[in-house]
Amino acid sequence: MTEFHPGYLLNAAVFAALGILIFIVSFAVVDWITPYQLWKEIVEEKNLALAVLVGAMSIGMCIIIAAAVH
């Protein structure tokens, strides 16, 4: 069994922060290229179909980012 190294925790924190940052940027880009504002449509207009679509898109982006960062 290997010993715990503080570098492992630092690596995990850096990659987690990097993944979150990439996800936020990619969501902003998708929101920018759509003809309407996603967040306004989901929250104010209560567009459930769009919320499900954005949720699936978010999961897909997160899987790709996790694979790229890993």
N, C-alpha and C. Protein backbone atom coordinates (compact mmCIF):
# COMPACT_ATOMS: atom_id res chain seq x y z
N MET A 1 0.84 -1.17 0.00
CA MET A 1 0.00 0.00 0.00
C MET A 1 0.90 1.24 0.00
N THR A 2 0.54 2.21 -0.83
CA THR A 2 1.36 3.41 -0.93
C THR A 2 0.97 4.43 0.14
N GLU A 3 1.88 5.32 0.41
CA GLU A 3 1.62 6.36 1.39
C GLU A 3 0.84 7.49 0.75
N PHE A 4 0.19 8.26 1.59
CA PHE A 4 -0.54 9.43 1.12
C PHE A 4 0.43 10.58 0.90
N HIS A 5 0.33 11.19 -0.25
CA HIS A 5 1.16 12.34 -0.56
C HIS A 5 0.24 13.57 -0.72
N PRO A 6 0.58 14.70 -0.12
CA PRO A 6 -0.25 15.90 -0.27
C PRO A 6 -0.39 16.35 -1.72
N GLY A 7 0.56 15.98 -2.55
CA GLY A 7 0.48 16.33 -3.96
C GLY A 7 -0.73 15.73 -4.64
N TYR A 8 -1.17 14.55 -4.18
CA TYR A 8 -2.36 13.93 -4.77
C TYR A 8 -3.59 14.80 -4.54
N LEU A 9 -3.71 15.33 -3.34
CA LEU A 9 -4.84 16.19 -3.02
C LEU A 9 -4.77 17.49 -3.83
N LEU A 10 -3.59 18.03 -3.98
CA LEU A 10 -3.41 19.24 -4.78
C LEU A 10 -3.76 18.98 -6.25
N ASN A 11 -3.31 17.85 -6.78
CA ASN A 11 -3.64 17.50 -8.17
C ASN A 11 -5.15 17.36 -8.37
N ALA A 12 -5.81 16.72 -7.42
CA ALA A 12 -7.26 16.55 -7.52
C ALA A 12 -7.97 17.90 -7.49
N ALA A 13 -7.52 18.80 -6.62
CA ALA A 13 -8.14 20.11 -6.52
C ALA A 13 -7.92 20.92 -7.79
N VAL A 14 -6.71 20.86 -8.34
CA VAL A 14 -6.41 21.61 -9.56
C VAL A 14 -7.22 21.08 -10.74
N PHE A 15 -7.29 19.77 -10.89
CA PHE A 15 -8.05 19.21 -12.01
C PHE A 15 -9.55 19.44 -11.84
N ALA A 16 -10.05 19.41 -10.60
CA ALA A 16 -11.47 19.70 -10.37
C ALA A 16 -11.78 21.15 -10.74
N ALA A 17 -10.92 22.07 -10.30
CA ALA A 17 -11.12 23.48 -10.63
C ALA A 17 -11.03 23.71 -12.13
N LEU A 18 -10.08 23.05 -12.78
CA LEU A 18 -9.93 23.17 -14.22
C LEU A 18 -11.17 22.64 -14.95
N GLY A 19 -11.68 21.51 -14.51
CA GLY A 19 -12.88 20.93 -15.13
C GLY A 19 -14.09 21.83 -14.96
N ILE A 20 -14.26 22.42 -13.77
CA ILE A 20 -15.38 23.32 -13.53
C ILE A 20 -15.25 24.57 -14.39
N LEU A 21 -14.05 25.10 -14.48
CA LEU A 21 -13.82 26.29 -15.29
C LEU A 21 -14.12 26.02 -16.77
N ILE A 22 -13.65 24.89 -17.28
CA ILE A 22 -13.92 24.54 -18.67
C ILE A 22 -15.41 24.35 -18.90
N PHE A 23 -16.11 23.75 -17.93
CA PHE A 23 -17.55 23.55 -18.07
C PHE A 23 -18.28 24.89 -18.11
N ILE A 24 -17.90 25.82 -17.25
CA ILE A 24 -18.56 27.13 -17.23
C ILE A 24 -18.34 27.87 -18.55
N VAL A 25 -17.11 27.81 -19.06
CA VAL A 25 -16.81 28.47 -20.33
C VAL A 25 -17.59 27.81 -21.47
N SER A 26 -17.64 26.49 -21.50
CA SER A 26 -18.36 25.81 -22.58
C SER A 26 -19.86 26.08 -22.49
N PHE A 27 -20.41 26.15 -21.28
CA PHE A 27 -21.84 26.47 -21.14
C PHE A 27 -22.11 27.90 -21.62
N ALA A 28 -21.20 28.82 -21.30
CA ALA A 28 -21.36 30.20 -21.75
C ALA A 28 -21.31 30.29 -23.28
N VAL A 29 -20.45 29.51 -23.89
CA VAL A 29 -20.36 29.51 -25.36
C VAL A 29 -21.64 28.95 -25.97
N VAL A 30 -22.16 27.88 -25.42
CA VAL A 30 -23.40 27.30 -25.94
C VAL A 30 -24.55 28.29 -25.74
N ASP A 31 -24.59 28.97 -24.59
CA ASP A 31 -25.61 29.98 -24.35
C ASP A 31 -25.47 31.14 -25.33
N TRP A 32 -24.25 31.48 -25.69
CA TRP A 32 -24.00 32.59 -26.61
C TRP A 32 -24.41 32.26 -28.04
N ILE A 33 -24.22 31.00 -28.48
CA ILE A 33 -24.53 30.66 -29.87
C ILE A 33 -26.00 30.33 -30.10
N THR A 34 -26.76 30.12 -29.04
CA THR A 34 -28.19 29.87 -29.22
C THR A 34 -28.91 31.20 -29.44
N PRO A 35 -30.03 31.17 -30.16
CA PRO A 35 -30.71 32.43 -30.48
C PRO A 35 -31.44 33.07 -29.29
N TYR A 36 -31.56 32.39 -28.18
CA TYR A 36 -32.22 32.93 -27.00
C TYR A 36 -31.37 32.62 -25.78
N GLN A 37 -31.66 33.28 -24.68
CA GLN A 37 -30.89 33.06 -23.46
C GLN A 37 -31.42 31.83 -22.75
N LEU A 38 -30.57 30.83 -22.59
CA LEU A 38 -30.99 29.56 -22.00
C LEU A 38 -31.52 29.73 -20.58
N TRP A 39 -30.76 30.45 -19.76
CA TRP A 39 -31.13 30.55 -18.35
C TRP A 39 -32.48 31.27 -18.20
N LYS A 40 -32.70 32.32 -18.97
CA LYS A 40 -33.96 33.06 -18.91
C LYS A 40 -35.12 32.17 -19.36
N GLU A 41 -34.92 31.42 -20.42
CA GLU A 41 -35.95 30.52 -20.92
C GLU A 41 -36.32 29.46 -19.89
N ILE A 42 -35.33 28.92 -19.22
CA ILE A 42 -35.58 27.84 -18.26
C ILE A 42 -36.23 28.38 -16.99
N VAL A 43 -35.67 29.46 -16.44
CA VAL A 43 -36.13 29.95 -15.14
C VAL A 43 -37.40 30.77 -15.25
N GLU A 44 -37.43 31.75 -16.15
CA GLU A 44 -38.58 32.64 -16.21
C GLU A 44 -39.74 32.06 -17.02
N GLU A 45 -39.43 31.41 -18.13
CA GLU A 45 -40.48 30.87 -19.00
C GLU A 45 -40.89 29.44 -18.62
N LYS A 46 -40.15 28.82 -17.71
CA LYS A 46 -40.44 27.45 -17.23
C LYS A 46 -40.48 26.44 -18.38
N ASN A 47 -39.49 26.51 -19.26
CA ASN A 47 -39.41 25.63 -20.42
C ASN A 47 -38.76 24.31 -19.98
N LEU A 48 -39.58 23.33 -19.65
CA LEU A 48 -39.11 22.05 -19.13
C LEU A 48 -38.33 21.26 -20.17
N ALA A 49 -38.78 21.29 -21.41
CA ALA A 49 -38.07 20.56 -22.47
C ALA A 49 -36.66 21.10 -22.66
N LEU A 50 -36.51 22.41 -22.62
CA LEU A 50 -35.19 23.01 -22.75
C LEU A 50 -34.33 22.68 -21.54
N ALA A 51 -34.94 22.63 -20.35
CA ALA A 51 -34.19 22.28 -19.14
C ALA A 51 -33.64 20.86 -19.23
N VAL A 52 -34.43 19.93 -19.73
CA VAL A 52 -33.97 18.55 -19.90
C VAL A 52 -32.86 18.50 -20.94
N LEU A 53 -33.01 19.22 -22.03
CA LEU A 53 -31.99 19.25 -23.08
C LEU A 53 -30.68 19.83 -22.55
N VAL A 54 -30.75 20.93 -21.82
CA VAL A 54 -29.54 21.55 -21.27
C VAL A 54 -28.91 20.64 -20.21
N GLY A 55 -29.72 19.94 -19.44
CA GLY A 55 -29.18 19.00 -18.47
C GLY A 55 -28.43 17.86 -19.15
N ALA A 56 -29.00 17.31 -20.20
CA ALA A 56 -28.33 16.24 -20.94
C ALA A 56 -27.05 16.75 -21.60
N MET A 57 -27.12 17.96 -22.14
CA MET A 57 -25.95 18.56 -22.75
C MET A 57 -24.86 18.78 -21.70
N SER A 58 -25.24 19.22 -20.52
CA SER A 58 -24.28 19.45 -19.44
C SER A 58 -23.61 18.16 -19.00
N ILE A 59 -24.37 17.10 -18.88
CA ILE A 59 -23.79 15.80 -18.52
C ILE A 59 -22.82 15.34 -19.60
N GLY A 60 -23.20 15.51 -20.85
CA GLY A 60 -22.32 15.13 -21.95
C GLY A 60 -21.02 15.92 -21.95
N MET A 61 -21.13 17.23 -21.73
CA MET A 61 -19.91 18.06 -21.67
C MET A 61 -19.04 17.65 -20.49
N CYS A 62 -19.66 17.35 -19.36
CA CYS A 62 -18.89 16.95 -18.18
C CYS A 62 -18.16 15.63 -18.40
N ILE A 63 -18.79 14.70 -19.08
CA ILE A 63 -18.14 13.42 -19.37
C ILE A 63 -16.93 13.64 -20.28
N ILE A 64 -17.09 14.48 -21.30
CA ILE A 64 -15.98 14.77 -22.20
C ILE A 64 -14.85 15.47 -21.48
N ILE A 65 -15.19 16.45 -20.64
CA ILE A 65 -14.15 17.17 -19.89
C ILE A 65 -13.44 16.24 -18.91
N ALA A 66 -14.20 15.38 -18.23
CA ALA A 66 -13.58 14.44 -17.29
C ALA A 66 -12.63 13.49 -18.00
N ALA A 67 -13.01 13.03 -19.19
CA ALA A 67 -12.13 12.14 -19.95
C ALA A 67 -10.89 12.88 -20.43
N ALA A 68 -11.05 14.14 -20.81
CA ALA A 68 -9.90 14.90 -21.30
C ALA A 68 -8.95 15.24 -20.16
N VAL A 69 -9.48 15.57 -18.99
CA VAL A 69 -8.65 15.95 -17.86
C VAL A 69 -7.98 14.72 -17.25
N HIS A 70 -8.66 13.60 -17.30
CA HIS A 70 -8.11 12.37 -16.69
C HIS A 70 -6.89 11.95 -17.47
